[in-house]
Amino acid sequence: MSQIRISEAARFLGVSDDTVRRWIDQGLLARSTGDGPATVDGLELANLVRDHSVLPADPADVARSARNRFVGIITKVTTDTVMAQVELQCGPHRVVSLISSEAVRELGLAPGVVATAVVKATNVIIEKGS
């Protein structure tokens, strides 16, 4: 069973330590008992986040098979004659896409524009620290 410190849980979720403590006080999470720093169960925290997550509305009303969609705001566009690098800030996550400069022009992509990064990948690498 993975135990996560309250401060780490807050950092992972992009909320304050006080928010995690309020969740404990409201009975949404159980604080682990024992000596040492206050912790919460990793599985319980993951279930809470999954069950209460609210994705921003996708501005495109399109059905698609890709499940990994990140709605965010474009923070930077770097283009040359053929290719472009588009950076989106999707909540606490930075998503970078390499697309054609023609697509950037046709879609009107520029800093400050709300867009959705759609990821369909057969190879996703997951790392875990020791």
N, C-alpha and C. Protein backbone atom coordinates (compact mmCIF):
# COMPACT_ATOMS: atom_id res chain seq x y z
N MET A 1 0.84 -1.17 0.00
CA MET A 1 0.00 0.00 0.00
C MET A 1 0.89 1.25 0.00
N SER A 2 0.68 2.12 -0.97
CA SER A 2 1.48 3.33 -1.10
C SER A 2 0.92 4.43 -0.21
N GLN A 3 1.78 5.01 0.61
CA GLN A 3 1.39 6.13 1.47
C GLN A 3 2.02 7.40 0.91
N ILE A 4 1.21 8.43 0.76
CA ILE A 4 1.67 9.69 0.18
C ILE A 4 1.48 10.80 1.21
N ARG A 5 2.54 11.55 1.44
CA ARG A 5 2.45 12.67 2.37
C ARG A 5 1.46 13.69 1.86
N ILE A 6 0.79 14.37 2.77
CA ILE A 6 -0.22 15.36 2.40
C ILE A 6 0.38 16.43 1.48
N SER A 7 1.57 16.89 1.80
CA SER A 7 2.19 17.93 0.97
C SER A 7 2.47 17.42 -0.45
N GLU A 8 2.89 16.15 -0.57
CA GLU A 8 3.14 15.58 -1.90
C GLU A 8 1.84 15.40 -2.66
N ALA A 9 0.79 14.92 -1.99
CA ALA A 9 -0.51 14.74 -2.63
C ALA A 9 -1.00 16.08 -3.17
N ALA A 10 -0.86 17.12 -2.38
CA ALA A 10 -1.29 18.45 -2.81
C ALA A 10 -0.50 18.91 -4.03
N ARG A 11 0.80 18.69 -4.01
CA ARG A 11 1.65 19.09 -5.13
C ARG A 11 1.28 18.34 -6.40
N PHE A 12 1.05 17.02 -6.30
CA PHE A 12 0.68 16.21 -7.46
C PHE A 12 -0.64 16.68 -8.07
N LEU A 13 -1.57 17.13 -7.22
CA LEU A 13 -2.91 17.48 -7.67
C LEU A 13 -3.07 18.95 -8.01
N GLY A 14 -2.06 19.76 -7.70
CA GLY A 14 -2.15 21.18 -7.98
C GLY A 14 -3.09 21.91 -7.04
N VAL A 15 -3.22 21.41 -5.80
CA VAL A 15 -4.05 22.05 -4.79
C VAL A 15 -3.18 22.36 -3.58
N SER A 16 -3.74 23.04 -2.60
CA SER A 16 -2.98 23.36 -1.39
C SER A 16 -3.04 22.20 -0.40
N ASP A 17 -2.09 22.20 0.52
CA ASP A 17 -2.10 21.22 1.62
C ASP A 17 -3.42 21.32 2.38
N ASP A 18 -3.90 22.56 2.56
CA ASP A 18 -5.16 22.76 3.29
C ASP A 18 -6.34 22.09 2.58
N THR A 19 -6.33 22.08 1.26
CA THR A 19 -7.41 21.41 0.52
C THR A 19 -7.41 19.93 0.82
N VAL A 20 -6.23 19.31 0.81
CA VAL A 20 -6.15 17.87 1.12
C VAL A 20 -6.61 17.63 2.56
N ARG A 21 -6.22 18.51 3.47
CA ARG A 21 -6.67 18.36 4.87
C ARG A 21 -8.19 18.51 4.98
N ARG A 22 -8.78 19.44 4.21
CA ARG A 22 -10.25 19.58 4.20
C ARG A 22 -10.92 18.32 3.70
N TRP A 23 -10.34 17.70 2.67
CA TRP A 23 -10.89 16.44 2.15
C TRP A 23 -10.87 15.38 3.24
N ILE A 24 -9.80 15.37 4.03
CA ILE A 24 -9.73 14.41 5.15
C ILE A 24 -10.81 14.74 6.17
N ASP A 25 -10.95 16.03 6.53
CA ASP A 25 -11.97 16.45 7.50
C ASP A 25 -13.39 16.14 7.00
N GLN A 26 -13.61 16.22 5.70
CA GLN A 26 -14.93 15.97 5.12
C GLN A 26 -15.20 14.47 4.93
N GLY A 27 -14.20 13.64 5.24
CA GLY A 27 -14.38 12.20 5.09
C GLY A 27 -14.17 11.69 3.68
N LEU A 28 -13.67 12.54 2.78
CA LEU A 28 -13.39 12.09 1.42
C LEU A 28 -12.13 11.25 1.34
N LEU A 29 -11.22 11.47 2.28
CA LEU A 29 -9.96 10.73 2.38
C LEU A 29 -9.74 10.35 3.82
N ALA A 30 -9.08 9.23 4.02
CA ALA A 30 -8.72 8.84 5.38
C ALA A 30 -7.25 9.15 5.61
N ARG A 31 -6.96 9.78 6.72
CA ARG A 31 -5.57 10.03 7.10
C ARG A 31 -5.02 8.75 7.69
N SER A 32 -3.83 8.39 7.27
CA SER A 32 -3.20 7.19 7.79
C SER A 32 -2.83 7.38 9.24
N THR A 33 -2.98 6.33 10.00
CA THR A 33 -2.61 6.39 11.40
C THR A 33 -1.19 5.91 11.57
N GLY A 34 -0.57 6.33 12.61
CA GLY A 34 0.80 5.90 12.88
C GLY A 34 1.70 7.08 13.17
N ASP A 35 2.94 6.75 13.47
CA ASP A 35 3.93 7.78 13.76
C ASP A 35 4.43 8.40 12.47
N GLY A 36 5.03 9.55 12.59
CA GLY A 36 5.61 10.22 11.43
C GLY A 36 4.66 11.20 10.79
N PRO A 37 5.05 11.70 9.62
CA PRO A 37 4.25 12.71 8.94
C PRO A 37 2.88 12.16 8.53
N ALA A 38 1.90 13.05 8.43
CA ALA A 38 0.56 12.66 8.01
C ALA A 38 0.60 12.21 6.55
N THR A 39 -0.05 11.08 6.27
CA THR A 39 -0.10 10.55 4.92
C THR A 39 -1.52 10.11 4.59
N VAL A 40 -1.74 9.88 3.30
CA VAL A 40 -3.00 9.31 2.82
C VAL A 40 -2.64 8.11 1.94
N ASP A 41 -3.58 7.20 1.81
CA ASP A 41 -3.37 6.02 0.98
C ASP A 41 -3.37 6.43 -0.49
N GLY A 42 -2.36 5.99 -1.23
CA GLY A 42 -2.23 6.35 -2.64
C GLY A 42 -3.40 5.89 -3.49
N LEU A 43 -3.89 4.67 -3.26
CA LEU A 43 -5.01 4.15 -4.04
C LEU A 43 -6.29 4.94 -3.76
N GLU A 44 -6.52 5.25 -2.49
CA GLU A 44 -7.70 6.03 -2.11
C GLU A 44 -7.65 7.42 -2.75
N LEU A 45 -6.46 8.03 -2.75
CA LEU A 45 -6.29 9.35 -3.36
C LEU A 45 -6.53 9.28 -4.87
N ALA A 46 -6.00 8.25 -5.52
CA ALA A 46 -6.19 8.09 -6.96
C ALA A 46 -7.67 7.92 -7.30
N ASN A 47 -8.39 7.13 -6.50
CA ASN A 47 -9.82 6.94 -6.73
C ASN A 47 -10.59 8.23 -6.54
N LEU A 48 -10.24 9.00 -5.52
CA LEU A 48 -10.91 10.27 -5.27
C LEU A 48 -10.72 11.22 -6.44
N VAL A 49 -9.49 11.32 -6.91
CA VAL A 49 -9.18 12.23 -8.02
C VAL A 49 -9.91 11.79 -9.28
N ARG A 50 -9.88 10.50 -9.58
CA ARG A 50 -10.55 10.00 -10.78
C ARG A 50 -12.06 10.25 -10.71
N ASP A 51 -12.66 9.96 -9.57
CA ASP A 51 -14.11 10.08 -9.43
C ASP A 51 -14.59 11.52 -9.41
N HIS A 52 -13.73 12.47 -9.00
CA HIS A 52 -14.15 13.86 -8.89
C HIS A 52 -13.50 14.78 -9.93
N SER A 53 -12.77 14.20 -10.87
CA SER A 53 -12.11 15.05 -11.86
C SER A 53 -13.13 15.63 -12.82
N VAL A 54 -12.89 16.84 -13.21
CA VAL A 54 -13.76 17.53 -14.16
C VAL A 54 -12.85 18.05 -15.27
N LEU A 55 -13.04 17.51 -16.47
CA LEU A 55 -12.25 17.97 -17.60
C LEU A 55 -12.88 19.22 -18.17
N PRO A 56 -12.06 20.17 -18.62
CA PRO A 56 -12.63 21.33 -19.29
C PRO A 56 -13.37 20.86 -20.54
N ALA A 57 -14.40 21.58 -20.91
CA ALA A 57 -15.18 21.21 -22.09
C ALA A 57 -14.30 21.30 -23.33
N ASP A 58 -14.41 20.30 -24.19
CA ASP A 58 -13.68 20.31 -25.45
C ASP A 58 -14.44 21.23 -26.40
N PRO A 59 -13.78 22.25 -26.94
CA PRO A 59 -14.49 23.19 -27.81
C PRO A 59 -14.96 22.56 -29.11
N ALA A 60 -14.40 21.41 -29.50
CA ALA A 60 -14.83 20.73 -30.73
C ALA A 60 -15.89 19.69 -30.38
N ASP A 61 -17.01 19.78 -31.06
CA ASP A 61 -18.09 18.82 -30.83
C ASP A 61 -17.90 17.66 -31.80
N VAL A 62 -16.87 16.84 -31.54
CA VAL A 62 -16.51 15.75 -32.44
C VAL A 62 -16.32 14.48 -31.63
N ALA A 63 -16.85 13.36 -32.12
CA ALA A 63 -16.60 12.07 -31.49
C ALA A 63 -15.28 11.53 -32.03
N ARG A 64 -14.49 10.92 -31.13
CA ARG A 64 -13.19 10.40 -31.58
C ARG A 64 -12.81 9.20 -30.74
N SER A 65 -11.90 8.39 -31.27
CA SER A 65 -11.48 7.20 -30.55
C SER A 65 -10.38 7.50 -29.54
N ALA A 66 -9.63 8.56 -29.74
CA ALA A 66 -8.55 8.90 -28.81
C ALA A 66 -9.13 9.33 -27.48
N ARG A 67 -8.64 8.77 -26.39
CA ARG A 67 -9.16 9.07 -25.05
C ARG A 67 -8.31 10.10 -24.32
N ASN A 68 -7.13 10.35 -24.79
CA ASN A 68 -6.22 11.27 -24.11
C ASN A 68 -6.33 12.65 -24.75
N ARG A 69 -7.19 13.49 -24.16
CA ARG A 69 -7.44 14.82 -24.67
C ARG A 69 -7.11 15.83 -23.57
N PHE A 70 -6.36 16.85 -23.93
CA PHE A 70 -5.93 17.85 -22.97
C PHE A 70 -6.34 19.23 -23.47
N VAL A 71 -7.35 19.81 -22.86
CA VAL A 71 -7.79 21.16 -23.23
C VAL A 71 -6.91 22.16 -22.51
N GLY A 72 -6.43 23.14 -23.22
CA GLY A 72 -5.57 24.13 -22.60
C GLY A 72 -5.49 25.39 -23.43
N ILE A 73 -4.56 26.23 -23.04
CA ILE A 73 -4.36 27.49 -23.75
C ILE A 73 -2.98 27.49 -24.37
N ILE A 74 -2.89 27.93 -25.60
CA ILE A 74 -1.61 27.97 -26.30
C ILE A 74 -0.76 29.07 -25.67
N THR A 75 0.46 28.72 -25.30
CA THR A 75 1.37 29.68 -24.68
C THR A 75 2.48 30.14 -25.62
N LYS A 76 2.78 29.31 -26.64
CA LYS A 76 3.89 29.67 -27.53
C LYS A 76 3.74 28.91 -28.85
N VAL A 77 4.02 29.59 -29.95
CA VAL A 77 4.05 28.96 -31.26
C VAL A 77 5.34 29.40 -31.94
N THR A 78 6.15 28.43 -32.34
CA THR A 78 7.39 28.71 -33.06
C THR A 78 7.27 28.06 -34.43
N THR A 79 7.40 28.85 -35.49
CA THR A 79 7.24 28.30 -36.83
C THR A 79 8.45 28.60 -37.70
N ASP A 80 8.65 27.71 -38.69
CA ASP A 80 9.57 28.01 -39.77
C ASP A 80 8.78 27.81 -41.06
N THR A 81 9.42 27.61 -42.17
CA THR A 81 8.68 27.52 -43.43
C THR A 81 7.85 26.25 -43.55
N VAL A 82 8.26 25.17 -42.87
CA VAL A 82 7.57 23.89 -43.02
C VAL A 82 6.89 23.42 -41.74
N MET A 83 7.59 23.48 -40.61
CA MET A 83 7.10 22.90 -39.36
C MET A 83 6.89 23.97 -38.29
N ALA A 84 6.10 23.59 -37.27
CA ALA A 84 5.84 24.49 -36.15
C ALA A 84 5.83 23.70 -34.85
N GLN A 85 6.21 24.36 -33.79
CA GLN A 85 6.12 23.80 -32.44
C GLN A 85 5.08 24.60 -31.69
N VAL A 86 4.06 23.90 -31.19
CA VAL A 86 2.96 24.55 -30.48
C VAL A 86 2.98 24.06 -29.04
N GLU A 87 3.02 25.00 -28.08
CA GLU A 87 3.03 24.65 -26.67
C GLU A 87 1.70 25.04 -26.05
N LEU A 88 1.09 24.10 -25.32
CA LEU A 88 -0.16 24.35 -24.60
C LEU A 88 0.08 24.15 -23.12
N GLN A 89 -0.58 24.96 -22.32
CA GLN A 89 -0.60 24.76 -20.88
C GLN A 89 -1.97 24.19 -20.56
N CYS A 90 -1.99 22.94 -20.16
CA CYS A 90 -3.24 22.22 -19.87
C CYS A 90 -3.26 21.94 -18.37
N GLY A 91 -3.83 22.86 -17.61
CA GLY A 91 -3.75 22.74 -16.16
C GLY A 91 -2.29 22.85 -15.76
N PRO A 92 -1.81 21.92 -14.93
CA PRO A 92 -0.40 22.00 -14.53
C PRO A 92 0.55 21.37 -15.55
N HIS A 93 0.01 20.89 -16.68
CA HIS A 93 0.83 20.15 -17.64
C HIS A 93 1.13 20.96 -18.89
N ARG A 94 2.38 20.90 -19.32
CA ARG A 94 2.80 21.52 -20.58
C ARG A 94 2.79 20.44 -21.64
N VAL A 95 2.06 20.68 -22.73
CA VAL A 95 1.98 19.73 -23.83
C VAL A 95 2.58 20.41 -25.05
N VAL A 96 3.49 19.71 -25.74
CA VAL A 96 4.16 20.26 -26.91
C VAL A 96 3.82 19.40 -28.13
N SER A 97 3.45 20.05 -29.23
CA SER A 97 3.12 19.34 -30.46
C SER A 97 3.94 19.89 -31.60
N LEU A 98 4.42 19.00 -32.46
CA LEU A 98 5.10 19.40 -33.68
C LEU A 98 4.14 19.13 -34.83
N ILE A 99 3.73 20.19 -35.51
CA ILE A 99 2.80 20.08 -36.63
C ILE A 99 3.28 20.96 -37.77
N SER A 100 2.62 20.88 -38.90
CA SER A 100 3.04 21.69 -40.04
C SER A 100 2.69 23.17 -39.81
N SER A 101 3.49 24.04 -40.37
CA SER A 101 3.20 25.48 -40.31
C SER A 101 1.90 25.78 -41.02
N GLU A 102 1.59 25.02 -42.06
CA GLU A 102 0.33 25.19 -42.79
C GLU A 102 -0.86 24.93 -41.86
N ALA A 103 -0.77 23.89 -41.02
CA ALA A 103 -1.85 23.59 -40.08
C ALA A 103 -2.02 24.71 -39.06
N VAL A 104 -0.91 25.28 -38.60
CA VAL A 104 -0.97 26.40 -37.65
C VAL A 104 -1.73 27.56 -38.26
N ARG A 105 -1.42 27.88 -39.51
CA ARG A 105 -2.10 28.99 -40.20
C ARG A 105 -3.58 28.67 -40.41
N GLU A 106 -3.88 27.47 -40.89
CA GLU A 106 -5.27 27.10 -41.19
C GLU A 106 -6.14 27.08 -39.93
N LEU A 107 -5.58 26.63 -38.81
CA LEU A 107 -6.33 26.54 -37.56
C LEU A 107 -6.33 27.85 -36.77
N GLY A 108 -5.49 28.79 -37.19
CA GLY A 108 -5.41 30.07 -36.47
C GLY A 108 -4.81 29.92 -35.09
N LEU A 109 -3.82 29.03 -34.96
CA LEU A 109 -3.20 28.78 -33.66
C LEU A 109 -2.23 29.89 -33.31
N ALA A 110 -2.39 30.44 -32.11
CA ALA A 110 -1.54 31.53 -31.64
C ALA A 110 -1.63 31.57 -30.12
N PRO A 111 -0.63 32.18 -29.47
CA PRO A 111 -0.70 32.30 -28.01
C PRO A 111 -2.01 32.95 -27.59
N GLY A 112 -2.62 32.38 -26.54
CA GLY A 112 -3.87 32.88 -26.02
C GLY A 112 -5.09 32.16 -26.55
N VAL A 113 -4.92 31.32 -27.58
CA VAL A 113 -6.04 30.58 -28.16
C VAL A 113 -6.27 29.29 -27.37
N VAL A 114 -7.53 28.97 -27.08
CA VAL A 114 -7.86 27.72 -26.41
C VAL A 114 -7.87 26.62 -27.46
N ALA A 115 -7.20 25.51 -27.16
CA ALA A 115 -7.11 24.39 -28.10
C ALA A 115 -7.08 23.09 -27.32
N THR A 116 -7.20 21.99 -28.03
CA THR A 116 -7.17 20.67 -27.42
C THR A 116 -6.07 19.84 -28.05
N ALA A 117 -5.21 19.28 -27.22
CA ALA A 117 -4.20 18.33 -27.69
C ALA A 117 -4.82 16.94 -27.59
N VAL A 118 -4.85 16.22 -28.70
CA VAL A 118 -5.39 14.87 -28.73
C VAL A 118 -4.23 13.92 -28.97
N VAL A 119 -4.06 12.96 -28.04
CA VAL A 119 -2.93 12.05 -28.12
C VAL A 119 -3.46 10.64 -28.33
N LYS A 120 -3.02 10.00 -29.40
CA LYS A 120 -3.36 8.60 -29.67
C LYS A 120 -2.03 7.91 -29.89
N ALA A 121 -1.58 7.19 -28.88
CA ALA A 121 -0.26 6.59 -28.96
C ALA A 121 -0.32 5.13 -28.53
N THR A 122 0.44 4.31 -29.22
CA THR A 122 0.54 2.92 -28.82
C THR A 122 1.71 2.71 -27.89
N ASN A 123 2.57 3.71 -27.77
CA ASN A 123 3.74 3.59 -26.92
C ASN A 123 3.76 4.75 -25.93
N VAL A 124 3.38 4.48 -24.69
CA VAL A 124 3.42 5.49 -23.64
C VAL A 124 4.35 4.95 -22.55
N ILE A 125 5.36 5.73 -22.22
CA ILE A 125 6.34 5.32 -21.24
C ILE A 125 5.92 5.81 -19.86
N ILE A 126 5.94 4.92 -18.88
CA ILE A 126 5.61 5.27 -17.51
C ILE A 126 6.83 4.98 -16.66
N GLU A 127 7.21 5.95 -15.85
CA GLU A 127 8.35 5.79 -14.96
C GLU A 127 7.90 5.83 -13.52
N LYS A 128 8.63 5.18 -12.65
CA LYS A 128 8.35 5.19 -11.22
C LYS A 128 9.68 5.31 -10.49
N GLY A 129 9.75 6.27 -9.60
CA GLY A 129 10.96 6.43 -8.81
C GLY A 129 11.13 5.30 -7.82
N SER A 130 12.32 5.16 -7.29
CA SER A 130 12.58 4.07 -6.36
C SER A 130 12.03 4.34 -4.98
